[in-house]
């Protein structure tokens, strides 16, 4: 979304989730290309954008990463909406990203990047589940399915036809029936 564009709160939330997904995909590409510093950076930004989606749900925005992370920790980790272990991993991911980006002689290992990516995927998954629960929005459920993150299964869903509402009701019914 460009600064002069107008959208709803949900538009902003979904934009930030899509950005997080894109960051994580870029991290995977960079990892495969053995560009470990870049992969660490993109994995961290996947985490940051997922957290920013949560802040958008609350109507909050932060200019500094430090503030976004601190408020997420205060409002979601300390209250145990998200697990404390995840909070520690997010802090570690930010430290690794910072060192990877700014320390001249920081040596990045493959294992570190893989852990960073795993943290990013976990954060994204948990944020999406939380958003799905809080918004009750079918669009977020479809997004989870498209990613293939839900229960490790890959899905491709396409809603076509003139009556999108009917298609959404059908899809919602299918999701509820799925074990």
Foldseek 3Di string as FASTA:
>chain_A
DDPPDDDDLVVLLVVLLVQLVVLLVVLVVCLVVVVQLSSLQSLLSSLQSLLVSVCSVVVDDDPDSVVSLVVCCVPCDVVPVDDVVLNVLNVVSVVSNCCSPPPPPDDGDSVNSVSSSVSSLVSSVSSLVVCCVVVVDLVSVQVCQCVCSVVNGHDDDDDDDDPSVVSSVVVVVVVVPDD
